[in-house]
Each structure stands twice: as C-alpha cells, then as structure tokens.
Amino acid sequence: MNLLKARAKRFFVFPYVVLCALASLHSVWQLLFGSGFSLSWFGAWLAVTPVPLFVLLLYRVAFVQVGRLMIVQVSAALLGALLVVVEMQPLPTIYALSLGLGGVLLYVFWYSYLDRDDNKLLIAGQALPDFHLRAADGQLRSSSEFQGRKAVLLFFRGNWCPLCRSQLHEFSLYCENFVKHGLRVVLVSNQAVADSLAILGELPAGVEVYSDPALEAARALDIVHRLGVPAGLTYAGGDTLLPTMLLVDELGVLRYVDMPENFRIGPQPRRLLAALEEHWL
C-alpha cells in the first residue's frame, strides 16, 4: 500500500465529515434567519447534509448491505450543486460544489477503497499461516487449535468504525446458521475482547471472540491496514485490520477467502453460506 495515499486518506475523512456537519448547520441558520428563502442555501444544505447524517445513523442504527455507490448521498449532492448555480451565491456554492459534490465523490470513488496489495498468503488450497490470538482471559491461543473442525474467521476493524458495526450486525444474522452447520465461528479485532463484545451483543453458543492487540496475527496473514484509523479518532495507534473472512477445513487448509476491496461492502456472509451449502453440506 502506498503510504502517502494512506496518510492522505487518514487525514481526509474526519475533517470532511465535520466540515459537512458545520456547513449543514450554517445553511440551516441562513434558511431560518437569513433574508428570506434562498435556493442557494437550500442547495448547499441538501448537498452537504446526507454524509454526516449517514455517519450518525450508522452509529445509531444497524444498516445491512450499505452499498457501494451511496446513491442517496451522491444524488443529493448532484441536485444541491444544480440548485446553487441558479443564484451563484459564493459561500453556498463553495459548500455545495466542494464539500457536497466534490467531497462525496472523493469519499465514494477514492477513500472507500482499501488499496490492498496482492496477498500471497491467503489463497484457497493453501494452509492457513500460523498465528496467535489473545482470548478474553488474556491467554494466547494458537491458530493450530482451530484444526479438527471447519472454522470461519472474521477479522474486523473495531467499534470506532461505523460501517464495521453495520457489517458485524449482518454477520451476526448468519452466525446461528454457521454454528448449526458445524462451523467454529471466530471473530477477531485488534481492540480488546470486551470492546468487541459490547457491539456484538448476544451471540449463539459456539461463537468465539479474540483480540489481536499488537496486530501480530494480522502481520502473519498480511492483512494489516497501515494508517487505517482516521486521524482525530480517540483510538490507540494508526494501524488496524483489513476486513477479511476466511474459511478453513479440518486440516487447517483455506477453502474460501473473502478480502473486499471496498470497506463499505465488507465480507459477505451470505456468499459464504451459499458456498457451504453448494460444496460441503
């Protein structure tokens, strides 16, 4: 991964969402207390409001399958940009064209992509590399302990990521099916196990949660996301995990690998379940 691009992405998203929120509030103020209704200020509000509202809703409501293109946000930004050019007032035009349209297009078509390098360690048919994870009791567990049963391993980023919260909610809907099919379900983040459990909620018996605090397992699997934590978030360190879902057989051989390129999409548990039912069950 290009570190210059990683640094640029790290310092993009938090200021962008905050600036959109401030521009939205300013636009509302102008609409309510300015000198009459302004099409430009309404267009500015329409263009910049959906992104911070979307992020806020992700923290409050568990969305499933967020989508790659963010149709609502892009459509609102396009319409807002069209409205501001009618009157061409300077400040609302800047809000709508730069923060609204320009910002959301950068978010969708640049920021959201993970820029993964080719991973030569996680290939179906190869053995799962050895690594260790930390359990809730602080003890280290070896990946060799997963042998003897089919196991699905989901590596996710953490509580700070609103899209991960949505993806974890989606994955939890499939956990019971995975367990019923005899799979050992293993969830891994580099945050503390207690923090993961706080967002995972009640899980079926047979689902295990582990931590990879120093990203040693992530390095062993080549799934470290360098500088993946946005600047401005109160989270230790800048590196995190690349969202990844793996299926291994009883001998520890990889049978299914899901390494999404777009973090808004995330690993797809429904595709894994379909593959299981087609080939193994």
C-alpha atoms as a PDB file:
ATOM      1  CA  MET A   1       0.000   0.000   0.000  1.00  0.00           C
ATOM      2  CA  ASN A   2       1.254   3.464  -0.870  1.00  0.00           C
ATOM      3  CA  LEU A   3       1.940   5.196   2.473  1.00  0.00           C
ATOM      4  CA  LEU A   4       1.494   8.681   1.016  1.00  0.00           C
ATOM      5  CA  LYS A   5      -2.011   7.737  -0.150  1.00  0.00           C
ATOM      6  CA  ALA A   6      -2.688   6.064   3.219  1.00  0.00           C
ATOM      7  CA  ARG A   7      -1.722   9.260   5.077  1.00  0.00           C
ATOM      8  CA  ALA A   8      -3.893  11.364   2.770  1.00  0.00           C
ATOM      9  CA  LYS A   9      -6.867   9.087   3.400  1.00  0.00           C
ATOM     10  CA  ARG A  10      -6.239   9.067   7.140  1.00  0.00           C
ATOM     11  CA  PHE A  11      -6.464  12.851   7.300  1.00  0.00           C
ATOM     12  CA  PHE A  12      -9.392  13.148   4.892  1.00  0.00           C
ATOM     13  CA  VAL A  13     -12.497  11.571   6.375  1.00  0.00           C
ATOM     14  CA  PHE A  14     -12.843  13.039   9.885  1.00  0.00           C
ATOM     15  CA  PRO A  15     -12.322  16.690   8.843  1.00  0.00           C
ATOM     16  CA  TYR A  16     -14.574  16.103   5.838  1.00  0.00           C
ATOM     17  CA  VAL A  17     -17.497  14.821   7.904  1.00  0.00           C
ATOM     18  CA  VAL A  18     -17.053  17.605  10.492  1.00  0.00           C
ATOM     19  CA  LEU A  19     -16.891  20.326   7.810  1.00  0.00           C
ATOM     20  CA  CYS A  20     -20.025  18.928   6.154  1.00  0.00           C
ATOM     21  CA  ALA A  21     -21.828  18.998   9.504  1.00  0.00           C
ATOM     22  CA  LEU A  22     -20.767  22.605  10.136  1.00  0.00           C
ATOM     23  CA  ALA A  23     -21.771  23.657   6.617  1.00  0.00           C
ATOM     24  CA  SER A  24     -25.134  21.954   7.111  1.00  0.00           C
ATOM     25  CA  LEU A  25     -25.753  23.857  10.359  1.00  0.00           C
ATOM     26  CA  HIS A  26     -24.685  27.136   8.745  1.00  0.00           C
ATOM     27  CA  SER A  27     -27.050  26.505   5.830  1.00  0.00           C
ATOM     28  CA  VAL A  28     -29.948  25.806   8.196  1.00  0.00           C
ATOM     29  CA  TRP A  29     -29.162  29.035  10.081  1.00  0.00           C
ATOM     30  CA  GLN A  30     -29.231  31.035   6.848  1.00  0.00           C
ATOM     31  CA  LEU A  31     -32.515  29.423   5.769  1.00  0.00           C
ATOM     32  CA  LEU A  32     -34.177  30.116   9.124  1.00  0.00           C
ATOM     33  CA  PHE A  33     -32.748  33.518   9.985  1.00  0.00           C
ATOM     34  CA  GLY A  34     -31.479  34.950   6.690  1.00  0.00           C
ATOM     35  CA  SER A  35     -33.274  37.420   4.478  1.00  0.00           C
ATOM     36  CA  GLY A  36     -35.911  35.078   3.094  1.00  0.00           C
ATOM     37  CA  PHE A  37     -35.727  31.704   1.404  1.00  0.00           C
ATOM     38  CA  SER A  38     -32.604  31.177  -0.696  1.00  0.00           C
ATOM     39  CA  LEU A  39     -32.351  28.468  -3.331  1.00  0.00           C
ATOM     40  CA  SER A  40     -28.564  28.571  -2.989  1.00  0.00           C
ATOM     41  CA  TRP A  41     -28.597  27.931   0.760  1.00  0.00           C
ATOM     42  CA  PHE A  42     -31.178  25.184   0.337  1.00  0.00           C
ATOM     43  CA  GLY A  43     -28.990  23.587  -2.345  1.00  0.00           C
ATOM     44  CA  ALA A  44     -25.954  23.846  -0.074  1.00  0.00           C
ATOM     45  CA  TRP A  45     -27.853  22.212   2.798  1.00  0.00           C
ATOM     46  CA  LEU A  46     -29.080  19.425   0.515  1.00  0.00           C
ATOM     47  CA  ALA A  47     -25.580  18.761  -0.837  1.00  0.00           C
ATOM     48  CA  VAL A  48     -23.674  18.602   2.467  1.00  0.00           C
ATOM     49  CA  THR A  49     -26.165  17.097   4.942  1.00  0.00           C
ATOM     50  CA  PRO A  50     -26.529  13.431   3.805  1.00  0.00           C
ATOM     51  CA  VAL A  51     -22.926  12.383   4.604  1.00  0.00           C
ATOM     52  CA  PRO A  52     -22.791  13.420   8.308  1.00  0.00           C
ATOM     53  CA  LEU A  53     -26.382  12.212   8.718  1.00  0.00           C
ATOM     54  CA  PHE A  54     -25.392   8.859   7.199  1.00  0.00           C
ATOM     55  CA  VAL A  55     -22.420   8.502   9.594  1.00  0.00           C
ATOM     56  CA  LEU A  56     -24.589   9.425  12.583  1.00  0.00           C
ATOM     57  CA  LEU A  57     -27.242   6.876  11.597  1.00  0.00           C
ATOM     58  CA  LEU A  58     -24.605   4.162  11.204  1.00  0.00           C
ATOM     59  CA  TYR A  59     -23.591   4.671  14.835  1.00  0.00           C
ATOM     60  CA  ARG A  60     -27.227   4.526  15.947  1.00  0.00           C
ATOM     61  CA  VAL A  61     -28.875   2.023  13.590  1.00  0.00           C
ATOM     62  CA  ALA A  62     -27.535  -1.277  12.235  1.00  0.00           C
ATOM     63  CA  PHE A  63     -27.735  -0.990   8.459  1.00  0.00           C
ATOM     64  CA  VAL A  64     -27.286  -4.114   6.371  1.00  0.00           C
ATOM     65  CA  GLN A  65     -25.616  -4.007   2.946  1.00  0.00           C
ATOM     66  CA  VAL A  66     -24.765  -0.317   2.942  1.00  0.00           C
ATOM     67  CA  GLY A  67     -23.938  -0.327  -0.772  1.00  0.00           C
ATOM     68  CA  ARG A  68     -21.026   0.653  -2.938  1.00  0.00           C
ATOM     69  CA  LEU A  69     -22.235   3.845  -4.616  1.00  0.00           C
ATOM     70  CA  MET A  70     -24.200   5.633  -1.833  1.00  0.00           C
ATOM     71  CA  ILE A  71     -26.958   6.594  -4.261  1.00  0.00           C
ATOM     72  CA  VAL A  72     -28.825   8.908  -1.851  1.00  0.00           C
ATOM     73  CA  GLN A  73     -25.724  10.919  -0.915  1.00  0.00           C
ATOM     74  CA  VAL A  74     -24.463  11.271  -4.486  1.00  0.00           C
ATOM     75  CA  SER A  75     -27.929  12.163  -5.833  1.00  0.00           C
ATOM     76  CA  ALA A  76     -28.452  14.805  -3.115  1.00  0.00           C
ATOM     77  CA  ALA A  77     -25.027  16.314  -3.835  1.00  0.00           C
ATOM     78  CA  LEU A  78     -25.766  16.470  -7.565  1.00  0.00           C
ATOM     79  CA  LEU A  79     -29.169  18.097  -7.025  1.00  0.00           C
ATOM     80  CA  GLY A  80     -27.749  20.554  -4.498  1.00  0.00           C
ATOM     81  CA  ALA A  81     -24.980  21.502  -6.923  1.00  0.00           C
ATOM     82  CA  LEU A  82     -27.551  22.175  -9.638  1.00  0.00           C
ATOM     83  CA  LEU A  83     -29.613  24.378  -7.310  1.00  0.00           C
ATOM     84  CA  VAL A  84     -26.740  26.577  -6.143  1.00  0.00           C
ATOM     85  CA  VAL A  85     -25.697  27.509  -9.669  1.00  0.00           C
ATOM     86  CA  VAL A  86     -29.084  29.186 -10.223  1.00  0.00           C
ATOM     87  CA  GLU A  87     -28.189  32.081  -7.921  1.00  0.00           C
ATOM     88  CA  MET A  88     -24.406  31.512  -7.627  1.00  0.00           C
ATOM     89  CA  GLN A  89     -24.021  32.997  -4.160  1.00  0.00           C
ATOM     90  CA  PRO A  90     -20.344  32.462  -3.332  1.00  0.00           C
ATOM     91  CA  LEU A  91     -20.373  30.657   0.037  1.00  0.00           C
ATOM     92  CA  PRO A  92     -23.253  28.212  -0.524  1.00  0.00           C
ATOM     93  CA  THR A  93     -21.831  27.475  -3.972  1.00  0.00           C
ATOM     94  CA  ILE A  94     -18.476  26.584  -2.382  1.00  0.00           C
ATOM     95  CA  TYR A  95     -20.258  24.384   0.166  1.00  0.00           C
ATOM     96  CA  ALA A  96     -22.270  22.531  -2.453  1.00  0.00           C
ATOM     97  CA  LEU A  97     -19.580  22.079  -5.112  1.00  0.00           C
ATOM     98  CA  SER A  98     -16.542  21.366  -2.916  1.00  0.00           C
ATOM     99  CA  LEU A  99     -17.833  19.742   0.275  1.00  0.00           C
ATOM    100  CA  GLY A 100     -21.031  18.381  -1.205  1.00  0.00           C
ATOM    101  CA  LEU A 101     -20.375  17.113  -4.710  1.00  0.00           C
ATOM    102  CA  GLY A 102     -16.581  17.012  -4.715  1.00  0.00           C
ATOM    103  CA  GLY A 103     -16.309  15.564  -1.225  1.00  0.00           C
ATOM    104  CA  VAL A 104     -18.847  12.786  -1.643  1.00  0.00           C
ATOM    105  CA  LEU A 105     -17.308  11.713  -4.962  1.00  0.00           C
ATOM    106  CA  LEU A 106     -13.891  11.538  -3.298  1.00  0.00           C
ATOM    107  CA  TYR A 107     -15.395   9.514  -0.447  1.00  0.00           C
ATOM    108  CA  VAL A 108     -17.143   7.040  -2.756  1.00  0.00           C
ATOM    109  CA  PHE A 109     -14.559   6.582  -5.513  1.00  0.00           C
ATOM    110  CA  TRP A 110     -11.277   7.167  -3.657  1.00  0.00           C
ATOM    111  CA  TYR A 111     -11.446   6.978   0.137  1.00  0.00           C
ATOM    112  CA  SER A 112     -13.632   3.862   0.368  1.00  0.00           C
ATOM    113  CA  TYR A 113     -11.176   1.612  -1.462  1.00  0.00           C
ATOM    114  CA  LEU A 114      -8.719  -0.289   0.721  1.00  0.00           C
ATOM    115  CA  ASP A 115      -5.828  -0.383  -1.787  1.00  0.00           C
ATOM    116  CA  ARG A 116      -4.944  -3.952  -0.849  1.00  0.00           C
ATOM    117  CA  ASP A 117      -1.682  -5.373  -2.133  1.00  0.00           C
ATOM    118  CA  ASP A 118      -1.747  -8.878  -3.597  1.00  0.00           C
ATOM    119  CA  ASN A 119      -1.929 -11.339  -0.709  1.00  0.00           C
ATOM    120  CA  LYS A 120       0.138 -14.443  -1.433  1.00  0.00           C
ATOM    121  CA  LEU A 121      -0.526 -15.965   1.991  1.00  0.00           C
ATOM    122  CA  LEU A 122      -4.305 -16.271   1.821  1.00  0.00           C
ATOM    123  CA  ILE A 123      -5.099 -18.373  -1.207  1.00  0.00           C
ATOM    124  CA  ALA A 124      -7.713 -21.119  -1.296  1.00  0.00           C
ATOM    125  CA  GLY A 125      -5.996 -24.502  -1.207  1.00  0.00           C
ATOM    126  CA  GLN A 126      -3.039 -23.300   0.864  1.00  0.00           C
ATOM    127  CA  ALA A 127      -2.563 -23.910   4.579  1.00  0.00           C
ATOM    128  CA  LEU A 128      -3.632 -21.145   6.928  1.00  0.00           C
ATOM    129  CA  PRO A 129      -0.441 -19.456   8.237  1.00  0.00           C
ATOM    130  CA  ASP A 130       0.342 -19.911  11.939  1.00  0.00           C
ATOM    131  CA  PHE A 131      -0.561 -17.052  14.294  1.00  0.00           C
ATOM    132  CA  HIS A 132      -1.691 -16.396  17.858  1.00  0.00           C
ATOM    133  CA  LEU A 133      -4.704 -14.558  19.262  1.00  0.00           C
ATOM    134  CA  ARG A 134      -5.459 -13.290  22.760  1.00  0.00           C
ATOM    135  CA  ALA A 135      -8.582 -14.610  24.477  1.00  0.00           C
ATOM    136  CA  ALA A 136     -10.789 -12.715  26.939  1.00  0.00           C
ATOM    137  CA  ASP A 137      -8.856 -14.259  29.858  1.00  0.00           C
ATOM    138  CA  GLY A 138      -5.592 -12.854  28.490  1.00  0.00           C
ATOM    139  CA  GLN A 139      -4.249 -16.226  27.374  1.00  0.00           C
ATOM    140  CA  LEU A 140      -2.744 -16.724  23.932  1.00  0.00           C
ATOM    141  CA  ARG A 141      -4.448 -19.177  21.596  1.00  0.00           C
ATOM    142  CA  SER A 142      -2.682 -20.719  18.595  1.00  0.00           C
ATOM    143  CA  SER A 143      -4.348 -20.944  15.195  1.00  0.00           C
ATOM    144  CA  SER A 144      -3.456 -24.651  15.235  1.00  0.00           C
ATOM    145  CA  GLU A 145      -6.213 -25.073  17.857  1.00  0.00           C
ATOM    146  CA  PHE A 146      -8.803 -24.357  15.143  1.00  0.00           C
ATOM    147  CA  GLN A 147      -7.918 -27.607  13.366  1.00  0.00           C
ATOM    148  CA  GLY A 148     -10.239 -30.565  13.729  1.00  0.00           C
ATOM    149  CA  ARG A 149     -13.347 -28.603  12.718  1.00  0.00           C
ATOM    150  CA  LYS A 150     -14.286 -26.361   9.872  1.00  0.00           C
ATOM    151  CA  ALA A 151     -13.926 -22.769  11.035  1.00  0.00           C
ATOM    152  CA  VAL A 152     -14.904 -19.360   9.713  1.00  0.00           C
ATOM    153  CA  LEU A 153     -12.682 -16.490  10.836  1.00  0.00           C
ATOM    154  CA  LEU A 154     -13.836 -12.883  10.513  1.00  0.00           C
ATOM    155  CA  PHE A 155     -11.277 -10.112  11.021  1.00  0.00           C
ATOM    156  CA  PHE A 156     -12.886  -6.694  11.582  1.00  0.00           C
ATOM    157  CA  ARG A 157     -11.626  -3.221  12.460  1.00  0.00           C
ATOM    158  CA  GLY A 158     -13.420  -2.124  15.624  1.00  0.00           C
ATOM    159  CA  ASN A 159     -16.035  -0.051  17.454  1.00  0.00           C
ATOM    160  CA  TRP A 160     -14.688   3.208  16.040  1.00  0.00           C
ATOM    161  CA  CYS A 161     -15.733   2.194  12.503  1.00  0.00           C
ATOM    162  CA  PRO A 162     -19.471   2.765  11.909  1.00  0.00           C
ATOM    163  CA  LEU A 163     -19.507   0.600   8.789  1.00  0.00           C
ATOM    164  CA  CYS A 164     -17.895  -2.267  10.709  1.00  0.00           C
ATOM    165  CA  ARG A 165     -20.749  -2.053  13.197  1.00  0.00           C
ATOM    166  CA  SER A 166     -23.210  -2.492  10.340  1.00  0.00           C
ATOM    167  CA  GLN A 167     -21.224  -5.350   8.825  1.00  0.00           C
ATOM    168  CA  LEU A 168     -20.950  -7.103  12.195  1.00  0.00           C
ATOM    169  CA  HIS A 169     -24.706  -6.853  12.590  1.00  0.00           C
ATOM    170  CA  GLU A 170     -25.123  -8.503   9.188  1.00  0.00           C
ATOM    171  CA  PHE A 171     -22.604 -11.224  10.047  1.00  0.00           C
ATOM    172  CA  SER A 172     -24.323 -11.933  13.386  1.00  0.00           C
ATOM    173  CA  LEU A 173     -27.520 -12.779  11.476  1.00  0.00           C
ATOM    174  CA  TYR A 174     -25.670 -15.730   9.909  1.00  0.00           C
ATOM    175  CA  CYS A 175     -23.774 -16.964  12.986  1.00  0.00           C
ATOM    176  CA  GLU A 176     -26.507 -19.344  14.100  1.00  0.00           C
ATOM    177  CA  ASN A 177     -26.594 -20.945  10.643  1.00  0.00           C
ATOM    178  CA  PHE A 178     -22.812 -21.333  10.634  1.00  0.00           C
ATOM    179  CA  VAL A 179     -22.862 -22.973  14.069  1.00  0.00           C
ATOM    180  CA  LYS A 180     -25.706 -25.293  13.065  1.00  0.00           C
ATOM    181  CA  HIS A 181     -23.637 -26.402  10.078  1.00  0.00           C
ATOM    182  CA  GLY A 182     -20.835 -27.407  12.441  1.00  0.00           C
ATOM    183  CA  LEU A 183     -18.541 -24.436  11.899  1.00  0.00           C
ATOM    184  CA  ARG A 184     -16.411 -22.919  14.598  1.00  0.00           C
ATOM    185  CA  VAL A 185     -17.018 -19.154  14.333  1.00  0.00           C
ATOM    186  CA  VAL A 186     -14.040 -16.961  15.284  1.00  0.00           C
ATOM    187  CA  LEU A 187     -14.245 -13.139  15.407  1.00  0.00           C
ATOM    188  CA  VAL A 188     -11.032 -11.122  15.651  1.00  0.00           C
ATOM    189  CA  SER A 189     -10.254  -7.416  16.107  1.00  0.00           C
ATOM    190  CA  ASN A 190      -7.207  -5.594  17.388  1.00  0.00           C
ATOM    191  CA  GLN A 191      -9.339  -3.958  20.093  1.00  0.00           C
ATOM    192  CA  ALA A 192      -9.991  -5.595  23.466  1.00  0.00           C
ATOM    193  CA  VAL A 193     -12.373  -8.555  23.557  1.00  0.00           C
ATOM    194  CA  ALA A 194     -14.666  -6.629  25.935  1.00  0.00           C
ATOM    195  CA  ASP A 195     -14.949  -3.796  23.403  1.00  0.00           C
ATOM    196  CA  SER A 196     -15.848  -6.251  20.642  1.00  0.00           C
ATOM    197  CA  LEU A 197     -18.485  -7.922  22.802  1.00  0.00           C
ATOM    198  CA  ALA A 198     -20.007  -4.501  23.531  1.00  0.00           C
ATOM    199  CA  ILE A 199     -21.026  -4.085  19.886  1.00  0.00           C
ATOM    200  CA  LEU A 200     -21.551  -7.739  19.016  1.00  0.00           C
ATOM    201  CA  GLY A 201     -24.241  -8.221  21.640  1.00  0.00           C
ATOM    202  CA  GLU A 202     -25.629 -11.675  22.391  1.00  0.00           C
ATOM    203  CA  LEU A 203     -24.122 -14.337  20.153  1.00  0.00           C
ATOM    204  CA  PRO A 204     -25.028 -18.012  19.670  1.00  0.00           C
ATOM    205  CA  ALA A 205     -23.104 -20.580  21.680  1.00  0.00           C
ATOM    206  CA  GLY A 206     -20.017 -21.634  19.761  1.00  0.00           C
ATOM    207  CA  VAL A 207     -19.017 -18.148  18.608  1.00  0.00           C
ATOM    208  CA  GLU A 208     -15.575 -17.138  19.894  1.00  0.00           C
ATOM    209  CA  VAL A 209     -14.190 -13.606  20.158  1.00  0.00           C
ATOM    210  CA  TYR A 210     -10.462 -12.846  20.257  1.00  0.00           C
ATOM    211  CA  SER A 211      -8.131  -9.867  20.180  1.00  0.00           C
ATOM    212  CA  ASP A 212      -5.005  -9.173  18.146  1.00  0.00           C
ATOM    213  CA  PRO A 213      -3.779  -6.115  20.086  1.00  0.00           C
ATOM    214  CA  ALA A 214      -0.311  -5.811  18.528  1.00  0.00           C
ATOM    215  CA  LEU A 215      -1.514  -6.866  15.056  1.00  0.00           C
ATOM    216  CA  GLU A 216       0.873  -9.824  15.147  1.00  0.00           C
ATOM    217  CA  ALA A 217      -1.727 -12.174  13.658  1.00  0.00           C
ATOM    218  CA  ALA A 218      -2.611  -9.546  11.042  1.00  0.00           C
ATOM    219  CA  ARG A 219       1.043  -9.315  10.031  1.00  0.00           C
ATOM    220  CA  ALA A 220       1.281 -13.119   9.831  1.00  0.00           C
ATOM    221  CA  LEU A 221      -1.689 -13.048   7.436  1.00  0.00           C
ATOM    222  CA  ASP A 222      -0.623  -9.859   5.620  1.00  0.00           C
ATOM    223  CA  ILE A 223      -3.884  -8.063   6.448  1.00  0.00           C
ATOM    224  CA  VAL A 224      -2.533  -5.011   8.313  1.00  0.00           C
ATOM    225  CA  HIS A 225      -4.203  -1.780   7.209  1.00  0.00           C
ATOM    226  CA  ARG A 226      -1.413   0.779   7.560  1.00  0.00           C
ATOM    227  CA  LEU A 227      -2.733   4.108   8.911  1.00  0.00           C
ATOM    228  CA  GLY A 228      -6.270   2.794   8.506  1.00  0.00           C
ATOM    229  CA  VAL A 229      -7.632   4.559  11.605  1.00  0.00           C
ATOM    230  CA  PRO A 230      -8.811   8.071  10.655  1.00  0.00           C
ATOM    231  CA  ALA A 231      -6.909  10.903  12.315  1.00  0.00           C
ATOM    232  CA  GLY A 232      -8.951  12.603  15.023  1.00  0.00           C
ATOM    233  CA  LEU A 233     -10.473   9.447  16.475  1.00  0.00           C
ATOM    234  CA  THR A 234      -9.566   8.605  20.051  1.00  0.00           C
ATOM    235  CA  TYR A 235      -8.075   5.206  19.303  1.00  0.00           C
ATOM    236  CA  ALA A 236      -4.607   3.939  20.124  1.00  0.00           C
ATOM    237  CA  GLY A 237      -2.369   3.733  17.081  1.00  0.00           C
ATOM    238  CA  GLY A 238      -2.975   4.417  13.435  1.00  0.00           C
ATOM    239  CA  ASP A 239      -2.878   0.868  12.066  1.00  0.00           C
ATOM    240  CA  THR A 240      -5.759  -1.581  12.060  1.00  0.00           C
ATOM    241  CA  LEU A 241      -7.006  -4.732  10.296  1.00  0.00           C
ATOM    242  CA  LEU A 242      -8.148  -5.109   6.717  1.00  0.00           C
ATOM    243  CA  PRO A 243     -11.667  -6.634   6.811  1.00  0.00           C
ATOM    244  CA  THR A 244     -11.211 -10.304   5.907  1.00  0.00           C
ATOM    245  CA  MET A 245     -13.258 -13.519   6.119  1.00  0.00           C
ATOM    246  CA  LEU A 246     -11.653 -16.962   5.865  1.00  0.00           C
ATOM    247  CA  LEU A 247     -12.989 -20.494   5.861  1.00  0.00           C
ATOM    248  CA  VAL A 248     -10.623 -23.328   6.802  1.00  0.00           C
ATOM    249  CA  ASP A 249     -11.253 -27.051   6.790  1.00  0.00           C
ATOM    250  CA  GLU A 250     -10.498 -29.625   9.482  1.00  0.00           C
ATOM    251  CA  LEU A 251      -6.837 -29.784   8.414  1.00  0.00           C
ATOM    252  CA  GLY A 252      -6.329 -26.019   8.537  1.00  0.00           C
ATOM    253  CA  VAL A 253      -6.435 -25.559   4.751  1.00  0.00           C
ATOM    254  CA  LEU A 254      -8.065 -22.424   3.363  1.00  0.00           C
ATOM    255  CA  ARG A 255     -11.217 -23.225   1.403  1.00  0.00           C
ATOM    256  CA  TYR A 256     -12.807 -19.791   0.992  1.00  0.00           C
ATOM    257  CA  VAL A 257     -11.263 -16.311   1.120  1.00  0.00           C
ATOM    258  CA  ASP A 258     -13.188 -13.016   1.116  1.00  0.00           C
ATOM    259  CA  MET A 259     -10.956  -9.918   1.062  1.00  0.00           C
ATOM    260  CA  PRO A 260     -13.128  -6.991  -0.077  1.00  0.00           C
ATOM    261  CA  GLU A 261     -11.552  -4.058  -1.875  1.00  0.00           C
ATOM    262  CA  ASN A 262     -14.184  -1.606  -0.619  1.00  0.00           C
ATOM    263  CA  PHE A 263     -14.619  -1.259   3.148  1.00  0.00           C
ATOM    264  CA  ARG A 264     -18.238  -0.116   2.750  1.00  0.00           C
ATOM    265  CA  ILE A 265     -19.111  -3.519   1.302  1.00  0.00           C
ATOM    266  CA  GLY A 266     -17.181  -5.761   3.688  1.00  0.00           C
ATOM    267  CA  PRO A 267     -17.045  -9.571   3.693  1.00  0.00           C
ATOM    268  CA  GLN A 268     -20.274 -11.208   2.507  1.00  0.00           C
ATOM    269  CA  PRO A 269     -21.543 -13.958   4.867  1.00  0.00           C
ATOM    270  CA  ARG A 270     -24.450 -14.847   2.564  1.00  0.00           C
ATOM    271  CA  ARG A 271     -21.981 -15.802  -0.165  1.00  0.00           C
ATOM    272  CA  LEU A 272     -20.043 -17.963   2.270  1.00  0.00           C
ATOM    273  CA  LEU A 273     -23.236 -19.717   3.368  1.00  0.00           C
ATOM    274  CA  ALA A 274     -24.181 -20.318  -0.274  1.00  0.00           C
ATOM    275  CA  ALA A 275     -20.712 -21.773  -0.972  1.00  0.00           C
ATOM    276  CA  LEU A 276     -21.005 -24.022   2.067  1.00  0.00           C
ATOM    277  CA  GLU A 277     -24.405 -25.332   1.033  1.00  0.00           C
ATOM    278  CA  GLU A 278     -23.275 -25.895  -2.539  1.00  0.00           C
ATOM    279  CA  HIS A 279     -19.934 -27.621  -1.932  1.00  0.00           C
ATOM    280  CA  TRP A 280     -19.838 -29.033   1.604  1.00  0.00           C
ATOM    281  CA  LEU A 281     -23.311 -29.581   3.027  1.00  0.00           C
END
